[in-house]
Amino acid sequence: MSTVGSRELRISGLCYLAIIALGLYSETVVRGSLVVAGDAAATAQHIAANPLLWRSGLMADLLMQVLDLPIIVMMWRLLKPVNEPLALTATGLNLVQTCVLVANRVQALAALDLLTSPSMAAAFLPGQRDAMALFAVHLHGQGFGIGLIFFGFACVIRGWLIARSGVLPRVLGWMLALAGLCYLVNSIALLMAPPIANLLFPAILLPALVGELAMTLWLIGGRHRRPLAVAAASPISAAPSLAPTS
């Protein structure tokens, strides 16, 4: 028997909310204000003039990955009794995503170093440094898209398990699965057909934001009055009778 109490759910929800806030800060306040698409000189000027702001975005990104770990543990504990192989698969996919995104942050740091390091200034002409910095920012975006492929599959699996088992409100499961599909479509388009990705973004990620935010708010404030428990031997079709009171 696996039991996930209200305290663990609410802590996971707070972590989830912090991840959403930090992600919006990094993408809109930091990169959204400093990166000028297709303009290496303007992007380089903005980043070089605001190194602390750029570093704050990097730290926010890394903190997101730290806060992801309690959610991964909670989801594993919650879904393991429902279907252990699928729950383990989703956990592995989520951990791969976290590792990819952590390693990917080096690209953002490289962009700043190219523009502010004296050794880089001595080795390359200004135009060369600007171009390489913008390329590093571009690679950072590509790496983020690659990481979201793994997360997209994890969301689809978890959403399906939640929707079929009823360990959480089923609508949250379907919304999470839809969020995963949106991540997959966006990332695959980014890698395979960038012009299509430009047309889809950011609208394609709106269902993902709504779905994850709904999950977050329920985890924080939902009426989960008693621990969520699913008998390890119960098949997935038998789990709905153990759904939390709402």
C-alpha atoms as a PDB file:
ATOM      1  CA  MET A   1       0.000   0.000   0.000  1.00  0.00           C
ATOM      2  CA  SER A   2       1.314   3.449  -0.947  1.00  0.00           C
ATOM      3  CA  THR A   3      -0.035   6.480   0.913  1.00  0.00           C
ATOM      4  CA  VAL A   4       0.412  10.108  -0.151  1.00  0.00           C
ATOM      5  CA  GLY A   5      -0.883  12.539   2.461  1.00  0.00           C
ATOM      6  CA  SER A   6      -2.254  16.048   2.111  1.00  0.00           C
ATOM      7  CA  ARG A   7       0.986  17.571   3.420  1.00  0.00           C
ATOM      8  CA  GLU A   8       3.025  15.927   0.663  1.00  0.00           C
ATOM      9  CA  LEU A   9       0.476  16.931  -1.967  1.00  0.00           C
ATOM     10  CA  ARG A  10       0.480  20.564  -0.834  1.00  0.00           C
ATOM     11  CA  ILE A  11       4.276  20.735  -0.687  1.00  0.00           C
ATOM     12  CA  SER A  12       4.423  19.325  -4.217  1.00  0.00           C
ATOM     13  CA  GLY A  13       1.814  21.861  -5.311  1.00  0.00           C
ATOM     14  CA  LEU A  14       3.821  24.742  -3.865  1.00  0.00           C
ATOM     15  CA  CYS A  15       6.913  23.452  -5.647  1.00  0.00           C
ATOM     16  CA  TYR A  16       4.914  23.221  -8.875  1.00  0.00           C
ATOM     17  CA  LEU A  17       3.644  26.797  -8.447  1.00  0.00           C
ATOM     18  CA  ALA A  18       7.175  28.049  -7.832  1.00  0.00           C
ATOM     19  CA  ILE A  19       8.378  26.245 -10.972  1.00  0.00           C
ATOM     20  CA  ILE A  20       5.675  27.938 -13.068  1.00  0.00           C
ATOM     21  CA  ALA A  21       6.517  31.358 -11.621  1.00  0.00           C
ATOM     22  CA  LEU A  22      10.264  30.888 -12.082  1.00  0.00           C
ATOM     23  CA  GLY A  23       9.764  29.652 -15.642  1.00  0.00           C
ATOM     24  CA  LEU A  24       7.640  32.663 -16.549  1.00  0.00           C
ATOM     25  CA  TYR A  25      10.261  34.949 -15.002  1.00  0.00           C
ATOM     26  CA  SER A  26      13.105  33.368 -16.962  1.00  0.00           C
ATOM     27  CA  GLU A  27      11.278  33.345 -20.286  1.00  0.00           C
ATOM     28  CA  THR A  28       9.462  36.684 -20.140  1.00  0.00           C
ATOM     29  CA  VAL A  29      11.330  38.999 -17.780  1.00  0.00           C
ATOM     30  CA  VAL A  30      14.864  37.820 -18.577  1.00  0.00           C
ATOM     31  CA  ARG A  31      15.144  36.245 -22.026  1.00  0.00           C
ATOM     32  CA  GLY A  32      12.044  37.983 -23.337  1.00  0.00           C
ATOM     33  CA  SER A  33      13.504  41.407 -22.569  1.00  0.00           C
ATOM     34  CA  LEU A  34      17.159  40.767 -23.449  1.00  0.00           C
ATOM     35  CA  VAL A  35      17.086  38.496 -26.501  1.00  0.00           C
ATOM     36  CA  VAL A  36      16.212  40.105 -29.842  1.00  0.00           C
ATOM     37  CA  ALA A  37      15.421  37.379 -32.366  1.00  0.00           C
ATOM     38  CA  GLY A  38      17.732  37.511 -35.362  1.00  0.00           C
ATOM     39  CA  ASP A  39      19.714  40.505 -34.080  1.00  0.00           C
ATOM     40  CA  ALA A  40      23.042  39.404 -32.651  1.00  0.00           C
ATOM     41  CA  ALA A  41      24.334  42.916 -31.964  1.00  0.00           C
ATOM     42  CA  ALA A  42      21.226  44.052 -30.060  1.00  0.00           C
ATOM     43  CA  THR A  43      21.061  40.810 -28.071  1.00  0.00           C
ATOM     44  CA  ALA A  44      24.735  41.063 -27.161  1.00  0.00           C
ATOM     45  CA  GLN A  45      24.333  44.672 -26.081  1.00  0.00           C
ATOM     46  CA  HIS A  46      21.371  43.851 -23.847  1.00  0.00           C
ATOM     47  CA  ILE A  47      23.017  40.845 -22.191  1.00  0.00           C
ATOM     48  CA  ALA A  48      26.345  42.611 -21.661  1.00  0.00           C
ATOM     49  CA  ALA A  49      24.561  45.595 -20.116  1.00  0.00           C
ATOM     50  CA  ASN A  50      22.478  43.423 -17.770  1.00  0.00           C
ATOM     51  CA  PRO A  51      24.707  40.553 -16.587  1.00  0.00           C
ATOM     52  CA  LEU A  52      23.002  40.225 -13.194  1.00  0.00           C
ATOM     53  CA  LEU A  53      19.571  39.994 -14.789  1.00  0.00           C
ATOM     54  CA  TRP A  54      20.861  37.299 -17.163  1.00  0.00           C
ATOM     55  CA  ARG A  55      22.425  35.386 -14.252  1.00  0.00           C
ATOM     56  CA  SER A  56      19.200  35.663 -12.253  1.00  0.00           C
ATOM     57  CA  GLY A  57      17.398  33.926 -15.098  1.00  0.00           C
ATOM     58  CA  LEU A  58      20.011  31.176 -15.035  1.00  0.00           C
ATOM     59  CA  MET A  59      19.604  30.723 -11.284  1.00  0.00           C
ATOM     60  CA  ALA A  60      15.808  30.661 -11.638  1.00  0.00           C
ATOM     61  CA  ASP A  61      16.159  27.920 -14.256  1.00  0.00           C
ATOM     62  CA  LEU A  62      18.388  25.825 -12.004  1.00  0.00           C
ATOM     63  CA  LEU A  63      16.067  26.288  -9.027  1.00  0.00           C
ATOM     64  CA  MET A  64      13.237  24.978 -11.194  1.00  0.00           C
ATOM     65  CA  GLN A  65      15.123  21.720 -11.654  1.00  0.00           C
ATOM     66  CA  VAL A  66      15.746  21.419  -7.904  1.00  0.00           C
ATOM     67  CA  LEU A  67      12.059  21.981  -7.126  1.00  0.00           C
ATOM     68  CA  ASP A  68      11.110  19.389  -9.730  1.00  0.00           C
ATOM     69  CA  LEU A  69      12.550  16.583  -7.620  1.00  0.00           C
ATOM     70  CA  PRO A  70       9.902  16.576  -4.833  1.00  0.00           C
ATOM     71  CA  ILE A  71       7.193  16.474  -7.515  1.00  0.00           C
ATOM     72  CA  ILE A  72       8.869  13.545  -9.263  1.00  0.00           C
ATOM     73  CA  VAL A  73       9.021  11.640  -5.956  1.00  0.00           C
ATOM     74  CA  MET A  74       5.386  12.409  -5.141  1.00  0.00           C
ATOM     75  CA  MET A  75       4.162  11.312  -8.579  1.00  0.00           C
ATOM     76  CA  TRP A  76       6.158   8.097  -8.318  1.00  0.00           C
ATOM     77  CA  ARG A  77       4.712   7.291  -4.889  1.00  0.00           C
ATOM     78  CA  LEU A  78       1.191   8.156  -6.022  1.00  0.00           C
ATOM     79  CA  LEU A  79       1.175   6.219  -9.289  1.00  0.00           C
ATOM     80  CA  LYS A  80       3.421   3.256  -8.468  1.00  0.00           C
ATOM     81  CA  PRO A  81       0.528   1.175  -7.031  1.00  0.00           C
ATOM     82  CA  VAL A  82      -1.610   1.979 -10.087  1.00  0.00           C
ATOM     83  CA  ASN A  83       0.844   0.677 -12.670  1.00  0.00           C
ATOM     84  CA  GLU A  84       4.435   0.348 -11.502  1.00  0.00           C
ATOM     85  CA  PRO A  85       6.109  -0.114 -14.930  1.00  0.00           C
ATOM     86  CA  LEU A  86       4.409   2.954 -16.412  1.00  0.00           C
ATOM     87  CA  ALA A  87       4.970   5.015 -13.269  1.00  0.00           C
ATOM     88  CA  LEU A  88       8.653   4.073 -13.347  1.00  0.00           C
ATOM     89  CA  THR A  89       8.852   4.932 -17.048  1.00  0.00           C
ATOM     90  CA  ALA A  90       7.364   8.376 -16.411  1.00  0.00           C
ATOM     91  CA  THR A  91       9.763   8.922 -13.526  1.00  0.00           C
ATOM     92  CA  GLY A  92      12.743   7.976 -15.678  1.00  0.00           C
ATOM     93  CA  LEU A  93      11.599  10.268 -18.493  1.00  0.00           C
ATOM     94  CA  ASN A  94      11.167  13.154 -16.055  1.00  0.00           C
ATOM     95  CA  LEU A  95      14.644  12.592 -14.604  1.00  0.00           C
ATOM     96  CA  VAL A  96      16.163  12.549 -18.101  1.00  0.00           C
ATOM     97  CA  GLN A  97      14.423  15.854 -18.804  1.00  0.00           C
ATOM     98  CA  THR A  98      15.821  17.348 -15.608  1.00  0.00           C
ATOM     99  CA  CYS A  99      19.358  16.232 -16.461  1.00  0.00           C
ATOM    100  CA  VAL A 100      19.085  17.571 -20.012  1.00  0.00           C
ATOM    101  CA  LEU A 101      17.855  20.955 -18.819  1.00  0.00           C
ATOM    102  CA  VAL A 102      20.525  21.271 -16.123  1.00  0.00           C
ATOM    103  CA  ALA A 103      23.278  20.523 -18.641  1.00  0.00           C
ATOM    104  CA  ASN A 104      21.633  22.879 -21.124  1.00  0.00           C
ATOM    105  CA  ARG A 105      22.060  25.868 -18.786  1.00  0.00           C
ATOM    106  CA  VAL A 106      25.747  25.914 -19.723  1.00  0.00           C
ATOM    107  CA  GLN A 107      24.678  27.409 -23.064  1.00  0.00           C
ATOM    108  CA  ALA A 108      23.149  30.416 -21.305  1.00  0.00           C
ATOM    109  CA  LEU A 109      26.294  30.859 -19.229  1.00  0.00           C
ATOM    110  CA  ALA A 110      28.450  30.564 -22.354  1.00  0.00           C
ATOM    111  CA  ALA A 111      26.549  33.429 -23.996  1.00  0.00           C
ATOM    112  CA  LEU A 112      27.330  35.693 -21.051  1.00  0.00           C
ATOM    113  CA  ASP A 113      30.987  34.649 -20.862  1.00  0.00           C
ATOM    114  CA  LEU A 114      31.478  35.347 -24.564  1.00  0.00           C
ATOM    115  CA  LEU A 115      30.277  38.907 -24.053  1.00  0.00           C
ATOM    116  CA  THR A 116      31.885  39.780 -20.712  1.00  0.00           C
ATOM    117  CA  SER A 117      35.079  37.724 -20.404  1.00  0.00           C
ATOM    118  CA  PRO A 118      38.322  39.646 -21.157  1.00  0.00           C
ATOM    119  CA  SER A 119      39.873  36.515 -22.633  1.00  0.00           C
ATOM    120  CA  MET A 120      36.983  36.193 -25.086  1.00  0.00           C
ATOM    121  CA  ALA A 121      37.350  39.874 -26.014  1.00  0.00           C
ATOM    122  CA  ALA A 122      41.029  39.319 -26.750  1.00  0.00           C
ATOM    123  CA  ALA A 123      40.425  36.204 -28.846  1.00  0.00           C
ATOM    124  CA  PHE A 124      37.472  37.264 -31.013  1.00  0.00           C
ATOM    125  CA  LEU A 125      36.275  40.343 -32.833  1.00  0.00           C
ATOM    126  CA  PRO A 126      33.126  42.027 -31.429  1.00  0.00           C
ATOM    127  CA  GLY A 127      30.971  40.834 -34.320  1.00  0.00           C
ATOM    128  CA  GLN A 128      32.208  37.281 -33.872  1.00  0.00           C
ATOM    129  CA  ARG A 129      31.460  37.322 -30.145  1.00  0.00           C
ATOM    130  CA  ASP A 130      27.984  38.723 -30.761  1.00  0.00           C
ATOM    131  CA  ALA A 131      27.216  36.003 -33.327  1.00  0.00           C
ATOM    132  CA  MET A 132      28.511  33.204 -31.109  1.00  0.00           C
ATOM    133  CA  ALA A 133      26.560  34.535 -28.123  1.00  0.00           C
ATOM    134  CA  LEU A 134      23.319  34.563 -30.094  1.00  0.00           C
ATOM    135  CA  PHE A 135      24.125  31.059 -31.349  1.00  0.00           C
ATOM    136  CA  ALA A 136      24.595  29.906 -27.737  1.00  0.00           C
ATOM    137  CA  VAL A 137      21.196  31.397 -26.858  1.00  0.00           C
ATOM    138  CA  HIS A 138      19.706  29.590 -29.858  1.00  0.00           C
ATOM    139  CA  LEU A 139      21.247  26.286 -28.741  1.00  0.00           C
ATOM    140  CA  HIS A 140      19.847  26.874 -25.270  1.00  0.00           C
ATOM    141  CA  GLY A 141      16.372  27.124 -26.766  1.00  0.00           C
ATOM    142  CA  GLN A 142      16.925  23.969 -28.805  1.00  0.00           C
ATOM    143  CA  GLY A 143      18.151  22.095 -25.733  1.00  0.00           C
ATOM    144  CA  PHE A 144      15.067  23.224 -23.835  1.00  0.00           C
ATOM    145  CA  GLY A 145      12.895  21.816 -26.608  1.00  0.00           C
ATOM    146  CA  ILE A 146      14.753  18.504 -26.490  1.00  0.00           C
ATOM    147  CA  GLY A 147      14.233  18.262 -22.740  1.00  0.00           C
ATOM    148  CA  LEU A 148      10.510  18.896 -23.117  1.00  0.00           C
ATOM    149  CA  ILE A 149      10.174  15.857 -25.363  1.00  0.00           C
ATOM    150  CA  PHE A 150      10.956  13.636 -22.366  1.00  0.00           C
ATOM    151  CA  PHE A 151       8.698  15.695 -20.116  1.00  0.00           C
ATOM    152  CA  GLY A 152       5.900  15.539 -22.676  1.00  0.00           C
ATOM    153  CA  PHE A 153       5.937  11.748 -22.678  1.00  0.00           C
ATOM    154  CA  ALA A 154       6.041  11.744 -18.857  1.00  0.00           C
ATOM    155  CA  CYS A 155       2.975  14.006 -18.724  1.00  0.00           C
ATOM    156  CA  VAL A 156       1.045  11.826 -21.163  1.00  0.00           C
ATOM    157  CA  ILE A 157       1.771   8.669 -19.149  1.00  0.00           C
ATOM    158  CA  ARG A 158       0.969  10.267 -15.793  1.00  0.00           C
ATOM    159  CA  GLY A 159      -2.139  11.937 -17.144  1.00  0.00           C
ATOM    160  CA  TRP A 160      -3.427   8.645 -18.519  1.00  0.00           C
ATOM    161  CA  LEU A 161      -2.748   6.840 -15.236  1.00  0.00           C
ATOM    162  CA  ILE A 162      -4.515   9.559 -13.235  1.00  0.00           C
ATOM    163  CA  ALA A 163      -7.488   9.703 -15.594  1.00  0.00           C
ATOM    164  CA  ARG A 164      -7.930   5.916 -15.688  1.00  0.00           C
ATOM    165  CA  SER A 165      -7.344   5.246 -11.975  1.00  0.00           C
ATOM    166  CA  GLY A 166      -9.008   8.222 -10.324  1.00  0.00           C
ATOM    167  CA  VAL A 167      -6.277   8.663  -7.702  1.00  0.00           C
ATOM    168  CA  LEU A 168      -6.748  12.383  -8.443  1.00  0.00           C
ATOM    169  CA  PRO A 169      -9.736  14.035 -10.155  1.00  0.00           C
ATOM    170  CA  ARG A 170      -9.887  12.501 -13.615  1.00  0.00           C
ATOM    171  CA  VAL A 171     -10.190  15.835 -15.390  1.00  0.00           C
ATOM    172  CA  LEU A 172      -6.726  16.744 -14.068  1.00  0.00           C
ATOM    173  CA  GLY A 173      -5.367  13.580 -15.635  1.00  0.00           C
ATOM    174  CA  TRP A 174      -6.787  14.380 -19.057  1.00  0.00           C
ATOM    175  CA  MET A 175      -5.558  17.978 -18.803  1.00  0.00           C
ATOM    176  CA  LEU A 176      -2.076  16.742 -17.888  1.00  0.00           C
ATOM    177  CA  ALA A 177      -2.087  14.319 -20.816  1.00  0.00           C
ATOM    178  CA  LEU A 178      -3.130  17.157 -23.148  1.00  0.00           C
ATOM    179  CA  ALA A 179      -0.315  19.280 -21.754  1.00  0.00           C
ATOM    180  CA  GLY A 180       2.121  16.506 -22.583  1.00  0.00           C
ATOM    181  CA  LEU A 181       0.819  16.259 -26.155  1.00  0.00           C
ATOM    182  CA  CYS A 182       1.231  20.019 -26.574  1.00  0.00           C
ATOM    183  CA  TYR A 183       4.826  19.824 -25.349  1.00  0.00           C
ATOM    184  CA  LEU A 184       5.519  17.007 -27.796  1.00  0.00           C
ATOM    185  CA  VAL A 185       3.980  18.828 -30.763  1.00  0.00           C
ATOM    186  CA  ASN A 186       5.883  22.017 -29.944  1.00  0.00           C
ATOM    187  CA  SER A 187       9.254  20.292 -29.481  1.00  0.00           C
ATOM    188  CA  ILE A 188       8.939  18.032 -32.516  1.00  0.00           C
ATOM    189  CA  ALA A 189       7.972  21.017 -34.653  1.00  0.00           C
ATOM    190  CA  LEU A 190      10.910  22.980 -33.233  1.00  0.00           C
ATOM    191  CA  LEU A 191      13.346  20.256 -34.253  1.00  0.00           C
ATOM    192  CA  MET A 192      11.763  19.049 -37.489  1.00  0.00           C
ATOM    193  CA  ALA A 193       9.953  22.092 -38.917  1.00  0.00           C
ATOM    194  CA  PRO A 194      11.036  25.387 -37.286  1.00  0.00           C
ATOM    195  CA  PRO A 195       8.757  27.559 -39.497  1.00  0.00           C
ATOM    196  CA  ILE A 196       5.744  25.578 -38.271  1.00  0.00           C
ATOM    197  CA  ALA A 197       6.985  25.878 -34.677  1.00  0.00           C
ATOM    198  CA  ASN A 198       7.111  29.660 -35.099  1.00  0.00           C
ATOM    199  CA  LEU A 199       3.481  29.631 -36.190  1.00  0.00           C
ATOM    200  CA  LEU A 200       2.385  27.394 -33.307  1.00  0.00           C
ATOM    201  CA  PHE A 201       4.289  29.175 -30.530  1.00  0.00           C
ATOM    202  CA  PRO A 202       3.171  30.371 -28.009  1.00  0.00           C
ATOM    203  CA  ALA A 203      -0.465  29.299 -28.539  1.00  0.00           C
ATOM    204  CA  ILE A 204       0.456  25.593 -28.561  1.00  0.00           C
ATOM    205  CA  LEU A 205       1.701  25.858 -24.978  1.00  0.00           C
ATOM    206  CA  LEU A 206      -1.412  27.559 -23.586  1.00  0.00           C
ATOM    207  CA  PRO A 207      -3.210  24.238 -22.865  1.00  0.00           C
ATOM    208  CA  ALA A 208      -0.031  23.043 -21.137  1.00  0.00           C
ATOM    209  CA  LEU A 209       0.025  26.111 -18.899  1.00  0.00           C
ATOM    210  CA  VAL A 210      -3.674  25.750 -18.061  1.00  0.00           C
ATOM    211  CA  GLY A 211      -3.369  22.029 -17.369  1.00  0.00           C
ATOM    212  CA  GLU A 212      -0.305  22.282 -15.158  1.00  0.00           C
ATOM    213  CA  LEU A 213      -1.707  25.311 -13.329  1.00  0.00           C
ATOM    214  CA  ALA A 214      -4.955  23.439 -12.649  1.00  0.00           C
ATOM    215  CA  MET A 215      -2.976  20.502 -11.269  1.00  0.00           C
ATOM    216  CA  THR A 216      -0.927  22.898  -9.139  1.00  0.00           C
ATOM    217  CA  LEU A 217      -3.933  24.677  -7.639  1.00  0.00           C
ATOM    218  CA  TRP A 218      -5.674  21.390  -6.825  1.00  0.00           C
ATOM    219  CA  LEU A 219      -2.571  20.021  -5.119  1.00  0.00           C
ATOM    220  CA  ILE A 220      -2.333  23.175  -2.997  1.00  0.00           C
ATOM    221  CA  GLY A 221      -5.974  23.811  -2.202  1.00  0.00           C
ATOM    222  CA  GLY A 222      -7.919  20.703  -3.193  1.00  0.00           C
ATOM    223  CA  ARG A 223     -10.153  18.931  -0.695  1.00  0.00           C
ATOM    224  CA  HIS A 224      -7.904  15.926  -0.210  1.00  0.00           C
ATOM    225  CA  ARG A 225      -9.083  15.288   3.334  1.00  0.00           C
ATOM    226  CA  ARG A 226      -7.531  11.855   3.745  1.00  0.00           C
ATOM    227  CA  PRO A 227      -4.363  10.222   2.432  1.00  0.00           C
ATOM    228  CA  LEU A 228      -4.521   8.957  -1.112  1.00  0.00           C
ATOM    229  CA  ALA A 229      -3.937   5.222  -1.079  1.00  0.00           C
ATOM    230  CA  VAL A 230      -4.060   2.616  -3.797  1.00  0.00           C
ATOM    231  CA  ALA A 231      -3.630  -1.082  -3.091  1.00  0.00           C
ATOM    232  CA  ALA A 232      -0.539  -2.317  -4.869  1.00  0.00           C
ATOM    233  CA  ALA A 233      -2.334  -5.425  -6.100  1.00  0.00           C
ATOM    234  CA  SER A 234      -5.333  -3.540  -7.476  1.00  0.00           C
ATOM    235  CA  PRO A 235      -5.674  -3.381 -11.252  1.00  0.00           C
ATOM    236  CA  ILE A 236      -6.028   0.042 -12.793  1.00  0.00           C
ATOM    237  CA  SER A 237      -9.732  -0.486 -13.382  1.00  0.00           C
ATOM    238  CA  ALA A 238     -10.339  -1.051  -9.665  1.00  0.00           C
ATOM    239  CA  ALA A 239      -8.685   2.128  -8.431  1.00  0.00           C
ATOM    240  CA  PRO A 240     -11.549   4.634  -8.922  1.00  0.00           C
ATOM    241  CA  SER A 241     -13.246   3.506  -5.719  1.00  0.00           C
ATOM    242  CA  LEU A 242     -10.221   4.871  -3.847  1.00  0.00           C
ATOM    243  CA  ALA A 243     -10.472   8.377  -5.324  1.00  0.00           C
ATOM    244  CA  PRO A 244     -10.233  11.263  -2.848  1.00  0.00           C
ATOM    245  CA  THR A 245     -13.339  13.042  -1.648  1.00  0.00           C
ATOM    246  CA  SER A 246     -13.844  16.303  -3.530  1.00  0.00           C
END
